[in-house]
């Protein structure tokens, strides 16, 4: 299915609409980070590690699909900068699960538990290394 060009072309408008909606409704423009949720017009401005990781990959993918939408590249870079500044634990290198809207963290957050492991951040790093090494 991934190599099915007809299916890709059929799904491209949906993919573009999702990226545009995430960009318009999910981004904290001041911090260049992905908010946790936007539901029924209400923003949950908490930042969650996995949403930051998926935002980098997702917006870079959107930029690859629509290179004229340079704002997608800029926000992917902005979210990566936010991750480096606020999400990566400076002692361990693991990613902090929750960051408050004011960019503070609760002390003693578990760096791993049943619902948190380095899957999203690891996948983002692998994806971005592959994509950026082949970018022209």
Protein backbone atom coordinates (compact mmCIF):
# COMPACT_ATOMS: atom_id res chain seq x y z
CA UNK A 1 0.00 0.00 0.00
CA UNK A 2 2.87 2.41 0.76
CA UNK A 3 4.16 2.11 -2.80
CA UNK A 4 0.70 2.45 -4.37
CA UNK A 5 0.91 5.78 -6.24
CA UNK A 6 -2.82 5.89 -7.02
CA UNK A 7 -3.69 5.42 -3.35
CA UNK A 8 -1.14 8.07 -2.36
CA UNK A 9 -2.67 10.54 -4.83
CA UNK A 10 -6.14 9.75 -3.50
CA UNK A 11 -5.06 10.32 0.11
CA UNK A 12 -2.91 13.41 -0.51
CA UNK A 13 -5.78 15.94 -0.06
CA UNK A 14 -6.62 14.32 3.29
CA UNK A 15 -2.96 14.39 4.36
CA UNK A 16 -2.67 18.05 3.35
CA UNK A 17 -5.86 18.94 5.23
CA UNK A 18 -4.61 17.21 8.39
CA UNK A 19 -1.28 19.03 8.24
CA UNK A 20 -3.00 22.36 7.71
CA UNK A 21 -5.39 21.75 10.62
CA UNK A 22 -2.55 20.75 12.93
CA UNK A 23 -0.61 23.84 11.89
CA UNK A 24 -3.53 26.25 12.35
CA UNK A 25 -4.98 24.73 15.54
CA UNK A 26 -2.21 22.81 17.27
CA UNK A 27 0.82 25.06 17.29
CA UNK A 28 1.79 27.29 20.19
CA UNK A 29 3.26 30.06 18.05
CA UNK A 30 5.05 31.76 20.94
CA UNK A 31 6.98 28.62 21.92
CA UNK A 32 7.10 26.96 18.49
CA UNK A 33 5.74 23.76 20.02
CA UNK A 34 2.77 21.45 19.59
CA UNK A 35 -0.04 21.85 22.10
CA UNK A 36 -1.45 18.69 23.64
CA UNK A 37 -5.01 19.02 22.35
CA UNK A 38 -7.48 21.20 20.51
CA UNK A 39 -11.00 19.95 21.07
CA UNK A 40 -14.25 21.83 20.43
CA UNK A 41 -12.33 25.08 20.18
CA UNK A 42 -10.50 24.61 23.49
CA UNK A 43 -6.70 24.39 23.55
CA UNK A 44 -4.87 22.28 26.12
CA UNK A 45 -1.53 24.09 26.02
CA UNK A 46 0.41 21.42 27.93
CA UNK A 47 3.28 20.00 25.88
CA UNK A 48 3.67 16.23 25.74
CA UNK A 49 6.89 14.55 24.59
CA UNK A 50 5.35 12.30 21.96
CA UNK A 51 3.38 15.11 20.30
CA UNK A 52 6.59 17.13 19.92
CA UNK A 53 8.34 14.17 18.28
CA UNK A 54 5.47 13.47 15.91
CA UNK A 55 5.17 17.19 15.06
CA UNK A 56 8.77 17.31 13.82
CA UNK A 57 8.29 14.30 11.55
CA UNK A 58 4.77 15.23 10.54
CA UNK A 59 5.50 18.82 9.57
CA UNK A 60 8.67 17.82 7.75
CA UNK A 61 6.62 15.24 5.85
CA UNK A 62 4.05 17.94 5.03
CA UNK A 63 6.87 20.16 3.76
CA UNK A 64 8.18 17.33 1.58
CA UNK A 65 4.68 16.90 0.11
CA UNK A 66 4.20 20.66 -0.35
CA UNK A 67 7.62 22.36 -0.63
CA UNK A 68 5.95 25.71 -1.27
CA UNK A 69 4.60 25.57 2.31
CA UNK A 70 7.88 26.63 3.91
CA UNK A 71 6.04 27.34 7.17
CA UNK A 72 5.92 23.56 7.68
CA UNK A 73 9.71 23.35 7.50
CA UNK A 74 10.05 26.32 9.85
CA UNK A 75 7.70 24.83 12.44
CA UNK A 76 9.45 21.43 12.26
CA UNK A 77 12.70 23.26 13.03
CA UNK A 78 10.99 25.33 15.74
CA UNK A 79 9.59 22.27 17.47
CA UNK A 80 13.03 20.61 17.32
CA UNK A 81 14.51 23.70 19.00
CA UNK A 82 11.78 23.54 21.67
CA UNK A 83 12.57 19.85 22.27
CA UNK A 84 16.25 20.61 22.76
CA UNK A 85 15.51 23.48 25.15
CA UNK A 86 12.65 22.06 27.26
CA UNK A 87 11.93 18.39 26.56
CA UNK A 88 15.27 16.59 26.68
CA UNK A 89 16.30 15.86 30.27
CA UNK A 90 19.79 17.31 30.63
CA UNK A 91 20.92 14.60 33.10
CA UNK A 92 19.77 11.47 31.30
CA UNK A 93 19.07 12.44 27.70
CA UNK A 94 15.60 10.90 27.93
CA UNK A 95 12.61 13.09 27.13
CA UNK A 96 10.43 14.62 29.84
CA UNK A 97 6.83 13.49 29.54
CA UNK A 98 4.87 16.66 30.34
CA UNK A 99 5.82 20.31 30.13
CA UNK A 100 3.43 22.93 31.51
CA UNK A 101 2.21 25.79 29.30
CA UNK A 102 4.74 28.08 31.04
CA UNK A 103 7.53 25.61 30.06
CA UNK A 104 8.11 24.34 33.59
CA UNK A 105 8.11 20.69 34.55
CA UNK A 106 6.85 18.86 37.59
CA UNK A 107 9.76 17.45 39.57
CA UNK A 108 10.43 13.72 39.61
CA UNK A 109 8.47 12.79 36.50
CA UNK A 110 9.12 9.20 35.51
CA UNK A 111 11.21 9.09 32.36
CA UNK A 112 9.70 5.72 31.44
CA UNK A 113 6.62 3.78 32.53
CA UNK A 114 3.91 1.58 31.04
CA UNK A 115 2.71 4.40 28.73
CA UNK A 116 6.03 6.15 28.12
CA UNK A 117 9.09 4.80 26.43
CA UNK A 118 11.51 6.24 23.86
CA UNK A 119 9.47 4.96 20.89
CA UNK A 120 8.26 8.33 19.52
CA UNK A 121 11.49 10.21 20.09
CA UNK A 122 13.59 7.33 18.75
CA UNK A 123 11.41 6.97 15.66
CA UNK A 124 11.56 10.71 15.04
CA UNK A 125 15.35 10.69 15.19
CA UNK A 126 15.64 7.72 12.81
CA UNK A 127 13.08 9.20 10.40
CA UNK A 128 14.72 12.61 10.36
CA UNK A 129 18.26 11.26 9.91
CA UNK A 130 17.02 9.25 6.90
CA UNK A 131 15.01 12.12 5.42
CA UNK A 132 17.64 14.80 5.94
CA UNK A 133 20.45 12.62 4.58
CA UNK A 134 18.56 12.28 1.28
CA UNK A 135 17.25 15.88 1.14
CA UNK A 136 18.48 17.91 -1.77
